[in-house]
C-alpha atoms as a PDB file:
ATOM      1  CA  UNK A   1      -3.249   6.680 -19.589  1.00  0.00           C
ATOM      2  CA  UNK A   2      -4.431   7.119 -23.176  1.00  0.00           C
ATOM      3  CA  UNK A   3      -5.377  10.764 -23.720  1.00  0.00           C
ATOM      4  CA  UNK A   4      -6.081  12.249 -27.166  1.00  0.00           C
ATOM      5  CA  UNK A   5      -4.499  15.739 -27.204  1.00  0.00           C
ATOM      6  CA  UNK A   6      -7.783  17.675 -27.436  1.00  0.00           C
ATOM      7  CA  UNK A   7      -9.089  15.966 -24.261  1.00  0.00           C
ATOM      8  CA  UNK A   8      -5.941  16.364 -22.158  1.00  0.00           C
ATOM      9  CA  UNK A   9      -6.022  18.317 -18.897  1.00  0.00           C
ATOM     10  CA  UNK A  10      -2.995  20.611 -18.969  1.00  0.00           C
ATOM     11  CA  UNK A  11      -3.848  22.734 -15.932  1.00  0.00           C
ATOM     12  CA  UNK A  12      -2.952  21.122 -12.578  1.00  0.00           C
ATOM     13  CA  UNK A  13      -5.516  23.323 -10.814  1.00  0.00           C
ATOM     14  CA  UNK A  14      -8.258  21.648 -12.866  1.00  0.00           C
ATOM     15  CA  UNK A  15      -6.848  18.190 -12.105  1.00  0.00           C
ATOM     16  CA  UNK A  16      -6.658  19.053  -8.397  1.00  0.00           C
ATOM     17  CA  UNK A  17     -10.272  20.189  -8.400  1.00  0.00           C
ATOM     18  CA  UNK A  18     -11.365  16.933 -10.029  1.00  0.00           C
ATOM     19  CA  UNK A  19      -9.452  14.942  -7.410  1.00  0.00           C
ATOM     20  CA  UNK A  20     -11.048  16.892  -4.555  1.00  0.00           C
ATOM     21  CA  UNK A  21     -14.554  16.626  -6.011  1.00  0.00           C
ATOM     22  CA  UNK A  22     -14.170  12.887  -6.708  1.00  0.00           C
ATOM     23  CA  UNK A  23     -11.963  11.930  -3.775  1.00  0.00           C
ATOM     24  CA  UNK A  24     -13.347   8.399  -3.290  1.00  0.00           C
ATOM     25  CA  UNK A  25     -10.631   6.938  -5.498  1.00  0.00           C
ATOM     26  CA  UNK A  26      -9.208   3.551  -6.465  1.00  0.00           C
ATOM     27  CA  UNK A  27      -5.723   2.734  -5.180  1.00  0.00           C
ATOM     28  CA  UNK A  28      -4.003   0.114  -7.349  1.00  0.00           C
ATOM     29  CA  UNK A  29      -0.810  -1.756  -6.530  1.00  0.00           C
ATOM     30  CA  UNK A  30       0.713  -5.123  -7.370  1.00  0.00           C
ATOM     31  CA  UNK A  31       1.642  -8.209  -5.377  1.00  0.00           C
ATOM     32  CA  UNK A  32       3.653 -10.995  -7.005  1.00  0.00           C
ATOM     33  CA  UNK A  33       2.823  -9.529 -10.407  1.00  0.00           C
ATOM     34  CA  UNK A  34      -0.935  -9.459  -9.758  1.00  0.00           C
ATOM     35  CA  UNK A  35      -2.985  -6.269  -9.365  1.00  0.00           C
ATOM     36  CA  UNK A  36      -4.717  -5.287  -6.121  1.00  0.00           C
ATOM     37  CA  UNK A  37      -7.224  -2.456  -5.816  1.00  0.00           C
ATOM     38  CA  UNK A  38      -9.156  -0.758  -3.016  1.00  0.00           C
ATOM     39  CA  UNK A  39     -11.607   2.151  -3.136  1.00  0.00           C
ATOM     40  CA  UNK A  40     -10.723   4.742  -0.495  1.00  0.00           C
ATOM     41  CA  UNK A  41     -11.414   8.382   0.383  1.00  0.00           C
ATOM     42  CA  UNK A  42      -8.200  10.325  -0.197  1.00  0.00           C
ATOM     43  CA  UNK A  43      -6.982  13.692   1.011  1.00  0.00           C
ATOM     44  CA  UNK A  44      -5.003  15.849  -1.425  1.00  0.00           C
ATOM     45  CA  UNK A  45      -2.166  18.062  -0.205  1.00  0.00           C
ATOM     46  CA  UNK A  46      -1.629  19.919  -3.482  1.00  0.00           C
ATOM     47  CA  UNK A  47       1.022  22.267  -2.093  1.00  0.00           C
ATOM     48  CA  UNK A  48       3.343  19.459  -1.011  1.00  0.00           C
ATOM     49  CA  UNK A  49       2.170  17.035  -3.739  1.00  0.00           C
ATOM     50  CA  UNK A  50       0.937  14.243  -1.490  1.00  0.00           C
ATOM     51  CA  UNK A  51      -2.162  12.089  -1.281  1.00  0.00           C
ATOM     52  CA  UNK A  52      -3.173  10.748   2.134  1.00  0.00           C
ATOM     53  CA  UNK A  53      -5.415   7.799   2.942  1.00  0.00           C
ATOM     54  CA  UNK A  54      -5.800   4.725   5.114  1.00  0.00           C
ATOM     55  CA  UNK A  55      -6.631   1.039   4.801  1.00  0.00           C
ATOM     56  CA  UNK A  56      -8.527  -1.072   7.266  1.00  0.00           C
ATOM     57  CA  UNK A  57      -5.763  -3.194   8.797  1.00  0.00           C
ATOM     58  CA  UNK A  58      -7.359  -6.512   7.773  1.00  0.00           C
ATOM     59  CA  UNK A  59      -7.023  -5.311   4.150  1.00  0.00           C
ATOM     60  CA  UNK A  60      -3.491  -6.544   3.549  1.00  0.00           C
ATOM     61  CA  UNK A  61      -2.928  -4.379   0.499  1.00  0.00           C
ATOM     62  CA  UNK A  62      -1.226  -1.909   2.848  1.00  0.00           C
ATOM     63  CA  UNK A  63       1.594  -4.414   3.401  1.00  0.00           C
ATOM     64  CA  UNK A  64       2.477  -4.370  -0.304  1.00  0.00           C
ATOM     65  CA  UNK A  65       2.558  -0.637  -1.025  1.00  0.00           C
ATOM     66  CA  UNK A  66       5.382   0.645   1.172  1.00  0.00           C
ATOM     67  CA  UNK A  67       8.143   2.259  -0.921  1.00  0.00           C
ATOM     68  CA  UNK A  68       6.446   0.998  -4.075  1.00  0.00           C
ATOM     69  CA  UNK A  69       4.774   2.738  -6.989  1.00  0.00           C
ATOM     70  CA  UNK A  70       0.995   2.867  -6.930  1.00  0.00           C
ATOM     71  CA  UNK A  71      -1.626   4.081  -9.364  1.00  0.00           C
ATOM     72  CA  UNK A  72      -4.619   6.080  -8.142  1.00  0.00           C
ATOM     73  CA  UNK A  73      -7.707   6.604 -10.301  1.00  0.00           C
ATOM     74  CA  UNK A  74     -10.142   9.447  -9.608  1.00  0.00           C
ATOM     75  CA  UNK A  75     -13.293   8.823 -11.633  1.00  0.00           C
ATOM     76  CA  UNK A  76     -15.488  11.837 -12.224  1.00  0.00           C
ATOM     77  CA  UNK A  77     -18.935  11.989 -13.845  1.00  0.00           C
ATOM     78  CA  UNK A  78     -19.496   9.959 -17.006  1.00  0.00           C
ATOM     79  CA  UNK A  79     -22.373   9.066 -19.302  1.00  0.00           C
ATOM     80  CA  UNK A  80     -23.443   7.599 -22.642  1.00  0.00           C
ATOM     81  CA  UNK A  81     -23.772   9.919 -25.645  1.00  0.00           C
ATOM     82  CA  UNK A  82     -26.260   8.873 -28.312  1.00  0.00           C
ATOM     83  CA  UNK A  83     -25.485   9.684 -31.949  1.00  0.00           C
ATOM     84  CA  UNK A  84     -29.188  10.378 -32.430  1.00  0.00           C
ATOM     85  CA  UNK A  85     -28.667  13.682 -30.606  1.00  0.00           C
ATOM     86  CA  UNK A  86     -26.401  14.979 -33.379  1.00  0.00           C
ATOM     87  CA  UNK A  87     -29.282  14.879 -35.886  1.00  0.00           C
ATOM     88  CA  UNK A  88     -27.123  12.998 -38.376  1.00  0.00           C
ATOM     89  CA  UNK A  89     -26.628   9.412 -39.505  1.00  0.00           C
ATOM     90  CA  UNK A  90     -22.850   9.784 -39.818  1.00  0.00           C
ATOM     91  CA  UNK A  91     -21.967   9.334 -36.145  1.00  0.00           C
ATOM     92  CA  UNK A  92     -21.499   6.532 -33.636  1.00  0.00           C
ATOM     93  CA  UNK A  93     -22.224   6.135 -29.894  1.00  0.00           C
ATOM     94  CA  UNK A  94     -19.585   7.315 -27.451  1.00  0.00           C
ATOM     95  CA  UNK A  95     -19.006   8.037 -23.771  1.00  0.00           C
ATOM     96  CA  UNK A  96     -18.207  11.396 -22.179  1.00  0.00           C
ATOM     97  CA  UNK A  97     -16.266  11.360 -18.936  1.00  0.00           C
ATOM     98  CA  UNK A  98     -13.830  13.060 -16.596  1.00  0.00           C
ATOM     99  CA  UNK A  99     -10.947  11.200 -14.979  1.00  0.00           C
ATOM    100  CA  UNK A 100      -7.574  11.809 -13.341  1.00  0.00           C
ATOM    101  CA  UNK A 101      -4.827   9.277 -12.735  1.00  0.00           C
ATOM    102  CA  UNK A 102      -1.951   9.752 -10.314  1.00  0.00           C
ATOM    103  CA  UNK A 103       1.205   7.685  -9.995  1.00  0.00           C
ATOM    104  CA  UNK A 104       3.504   7.980  -7.019  1.00  0.00           C
ATOM    105  CA  UNK A 105       5.559   6.285  -4.350  1.00  0.00           C
ATOM    106  CA  UNK A 106       3.714   5.117  -1.235  1.00  0.00           C
ATOM    107  CA  UNK A 107       4.891   5.415   2.359  1.00  0.00           C
ATOM    108  CA  UNK A 108       3.247   4.062   5.506  1.00  0.00           C
ATOM    109  CA  UNK A 109       2.413   6.558   8.260  1.00  0.00           C
ATOM    110  CA  UNK A 110       3.382   5.271  11.685  1.00  0.00           C
ATOM    111  CA  UNK A 111       4.021   8.571  13.424  1.00  0.00           C
ATOM    112  CA  UNK A 112       1.109   9.237  15.781  1.00  0.00           C
ATOM    113  CA  UNK A 113       1.239  13.012  15.379  1.00  0.00           C
ATOM    114  CA  UNK A 114       1.182  12.776  11.573  1.00  0.00           C
ATOM    115  CA  UNK A 115      -1.672  10.267  11.753  1.00  0.00           C
ATOM    116  CA  UNK A 116      -3.715  12.540  14.028  1.00  0.00           C
ATOM    117  CA  UNK A 117      -3.126  15.535  11.752  1.00  0.00           C
ATOM    118  CA  UNK A 118      -4.229  13.545   8.696  1.00  0.00           C
ATOM    119  CA  UNK A 119      -7.365  12.241  10.398  1.00  0.00           C
ATOM    120  CA  UNK A 120      -8.387  15.739  11.505  1.00  0.00           C
ATOM    121  CA  UNK A 121      -7.952  17.126   8.009  1.00  0.00           C
ATOM    122  CA  UNK A 122      -9.889  14.211   6.531  1.00  0.00           C
ATOM    123  CA  UNK A 123     -12.827  14.817   8.878  1.00  0.00           C
ATOM    124  CA  UNK A 124     -12.734  18.555   8.150  1.00  0.00           C
ATOM    125  CA  UNK A 125     -12.869  17.855   4.420  1.00  0.00           C
ATOM    126  CA  UNK A 126     -16.043  15.792   4.600  1.00  0.00           C
ATOM    127  CA  UNK A 127     -17.960  17.282   7.520  1.00  0.00           C
ATOM    128  CA  UNK A 128     -20.353  20.141   6.760  1.00  0.00           C
ATOM    129  CA  UNK A 129     -19.078  23.607   7.657  1.00  0.00           C
ATOM    130  CA  UNK A 130     -21.705  23.955  10.385  1.00  0.00           C
ATOM    131  CA  UNK A 131     -21.183  20.417  11.732  1.00  0.00           C
ATOM    132  CA  UNK A 132     -20.795  20.130  15.504  1.00  0.00           C
ATOM    133  CA  UNK A 133     -18.560  17.057  15.179  1.00  0.00           C
ATOM    134  CA  UNK A 134     -14.923  17.696  16.079  1.00  0.00           C
ATOM    135  CA  UNK A 135     -12.395  14.884  16.057  1.00  0.00           C
ATOM    136  CA  UNK A 136     -10.361  16.588  18.792  1.00  0.00           C
ATOM    137  CA  UNK A 137     -13.394  16.328  21.085  1.00  0.00           C
ATOM    138  CA  UNK A 138     -13.559  12.522  20.766  1.00  0.00           C
ATOM    139  CA  UNK A 139     -12.298  10.609  23.798  1.00  0.00           C
ATOM    140  CA  UNK A 140      -8.553  10.131  23.284  1.00  0.00           C
ATOM    141  CA  UNK A 141      -8.491   6.510  24.478  1.00  0.00           C
ATOM    142  CA  UNK A 142     -11.446   5.625  22.253  1.00  0.00           C
ATOM    143  CA  UNK A 143      -9.764   7.249  19.268  1.00  0.00           C
ATOM    144  CA  UNK A 144      -6.463   5.529  20.000  1.00  0.00           C
ATOM    145  CA  UNK A 145      -8.225   2.177  19.968  1.00  0.00           C
ATOM    146  CA  UNK A 146      -9.863   2.920  16.636  1.00  0.00           C
ATOM    147  CA  UNK A 147      -6.548   4.022  15.118  1.00  0.00           C
ATOM    148  CA  UNK A 148      -5.126   0.570  15.807  1.00  0.00           C
ATOM    149  CA  UNK A 149      -7.601  -0.793  13.283  1.00  0.00           C
ATOM    150  CA  UNK A 150      -6.258   1.235  10.371  1.00  0.00           C
ATOM    151  CA  UNK A 151      -2.996   1.741   8.492  1.00  0.00           C
ATOM    152  CA  UNK A 152      -2.508   5.249   7.163  1.00  0.00           C
ATOM    153  CA  UNK A 153      -0.298   6.020   4.199  1.00  0.00           C
ATOM    154  CA  UNK A 154       0.805   8.858   1.959  1.00  0.00           C
ATOM    155  CA  UNK A 155       1.668   8.888  -1.713  1.00  0.00           C
ATOM    156  CA  UNK A 156       4.259  11.299  -3.076  1.00  0.00           C
ATOM    157  CA  UNK A 157       2.831  12.372  -6.412  1.00  0.00           C
ATOM    158  CA  UNK A 158       5.183  11.779  -9.329  1.00  0.00           C
ATOM    159  CA  UNK A 159       2.792  12.269 -12.241  1.00  0.00           C
ATOM    160  CA  UNK A 160      -0.737  13.547 -12.780  1.00  0.00           C
ATOM    161  CA  UNK A 161      -2.632  12.746 -15.969  1.00  0.00           C
ATOM    162  CA  UNK A 162      -6.158  13.889 -16.635  1.00  0.00           C
ATOM    163  CA  UNK A 163      -8.822  13.743 -19.294  1.00  0.00           C
ATOM    164  CA  UNK A 164     -12.044  15.647 -19.864  1.00  0.00           C
ATOM    165  CA  UNK A 165     -13.813  14.042 -22.798  1.00  0.00           C
ATOM    166  CA  UNK A 166     -16.709  16.425 -23.354  1.00  0.00           C
ATOM    167  CA  UNK A 167     -17.384  16.206 -27.105  1.00  0.00           C
ATOM    168  CA  UNK A 168     -14.695  18.801 -27.869  1.00  0.00           C
ATOM    169  CA  UNK A 169     -14.030  16.948 -31.140  1.00  0.00           C
ATOM    170  CA  UNK A 170     -17.510  17.931 -32.370  1.00  0.00           C
ATOM    171  CA  UNK A 171     -18.816  21.290 -33.533  1.00  0.00           C
ATOM    172  CA  UNK A 172     -20.276  23.754 -31.049  1.00  0.00           C
ATOM    173  CA  UNK A 173     -23.689  23.085 -32.608  1.00  0.00           C
ATOM    174  CA  UNK A 174     -23.420  19.357 -31.890  1.00  0.00           C
ATOM    175  CA  UNK A 175     -22.135  20.045 -28.382  1.00  0.00           C
ATOM    176  CA  UNK A 176     -25.170  22.247 -27.752  1.00  0.00           C
ATOM    177  CA  UNK A 177     -27.474  19.440 -28.906  1.00  0.00           C
ATOM    178  CA  UNK A 178     -25.767  16.970 -26.561  1.00  0.00           C
ATOM    179  CA  UNK A 179     -26.101  19.413 -23.660  1.00  0.00           C
ATOM    180  CA  UNK A 180     -29.783  19.919 -24.446  1.00  0.00           C
ATOM    181  CA  UNK A 181     -30.452  16.172 -24.369  1.00  0.00           C
ATOM    182  CA  UNK A 182     -28.391  15.532 -21.241  1.00  0.00           C
ATOM    183  CA  UNK A 183     -30.189  18.292 -19.348  1.00  0.00           C
ATOM    184  CA  UNK A 184     -33.448  16.432 -19.924  1.00  0.00           C
ATOM    185  CA  UNK A 185     -32.113  13.382 -18.085  1.00  0.00           C
ATOM    186  CA  UNK A 186     -32.788  12.820 -14.392  1.00  0.00           C
ATOM    187  CA  UNK A 187     -29.557  10.963 -13.583  1.00  0.00           C
ATOM    188  CA  UNK A 188     -26.893  12.931 -11.722  1.00  0.00           C
ATOM    189  CA  UNK A 189     -24.033  11.904 -14.014  1.00  0.00           C
ATOM    190  CA  UNK A 190     -25.830  13.162 -17.110  1.00  0.00           C
ATOM    191  CA  UNK A 191     -26.590  16.504 -15.492  1.00  0.00           C
ATOM    192  CA  UNK A 192     -23.017  16.925 -14.280  1.00  0.00           C
ATOM    193  CA  UNK A 193     -21.598  16.176 -17.732  1.00  0.00           C
ATOM    194  CA  UNK A 194     -24.062  18.664 -19.249  1.00  0.00           C
ATOM    195  CA  UNK A 195     -22.910  21.359 -16.804  1.00  0.00           C
ATOM    196  CA  UNK A 196     -19.237  20.650 -17.549  1.00  0.00           C
ATOM    197  CA  UNK A 197     -19.891  20.694 -21.288  1.00  0.00           C
ATOM    198  CA  UNK A 198     -21.752  23.986 -21.028  1.00  0.00           C
ATOM    199  CA  UNK A 199     -18.928  25.554 -19.054  1.00  0.00           C
ATOM    200  CA  UNK A 200     -16.365  24.207 -21.521  1.00  0.00           C
ATOM    201  CA  UNK A 201     -18.363  25.473 -24.492  1.00  0.00           C
ATOM    202  CA  UNK A 202     -18.668  28.968 -23.007  1.00  0.00           C
ATOM    203  CA  UNK A 203     -14.894  29.040 -22.517  1.00  0.00           C
ATOM    204  CA  UNK A 204     -14.463  28.230 -26.186  1.00  0.00           C
ATOM    205  CA  UNK A 205     -12.609  24.936 -25.593  1.00  0.00           C
END
């Protein structure tokens, strides 16, 4: 992953937060020298340095990942930055974005107890706090049948690389102008980048 030094994420807690907030990630592997990719919701176990997920069984990418290295891309908010916002003619267009990439070794999960634990945690992560849905209350035979249609896996994290490109290479005055313009946009990505830039600027980064 190409990361200019002033954009590099050096704090794993920040990288973990980005992964959790943008957990619908892209899992990339290779088969016969060709890349394969699938977008999947992933569960991060930061303490033990694992990512958990599952493929639909008809998606045969799962057959090619066992004991192999995979790349996982977590794409955060991103948006176009117009040079017109800098109030100068000596600038060019660019793109601000947040992204984390993870490399690690993949293992298939075939143990029923481990699968059940993963599925419960996954549901807990995405269900609202006050949700009445509980996976343990689903009919066991029904759930067992559904589980036959998936292949769960875990990835032991070997390396985490992250980038927050938020105009840090420009003056605080220019950053403030970018924030001002982004906050006038209606799109969610623009507003999220503005909020991240504002937080970064207040921290003095």
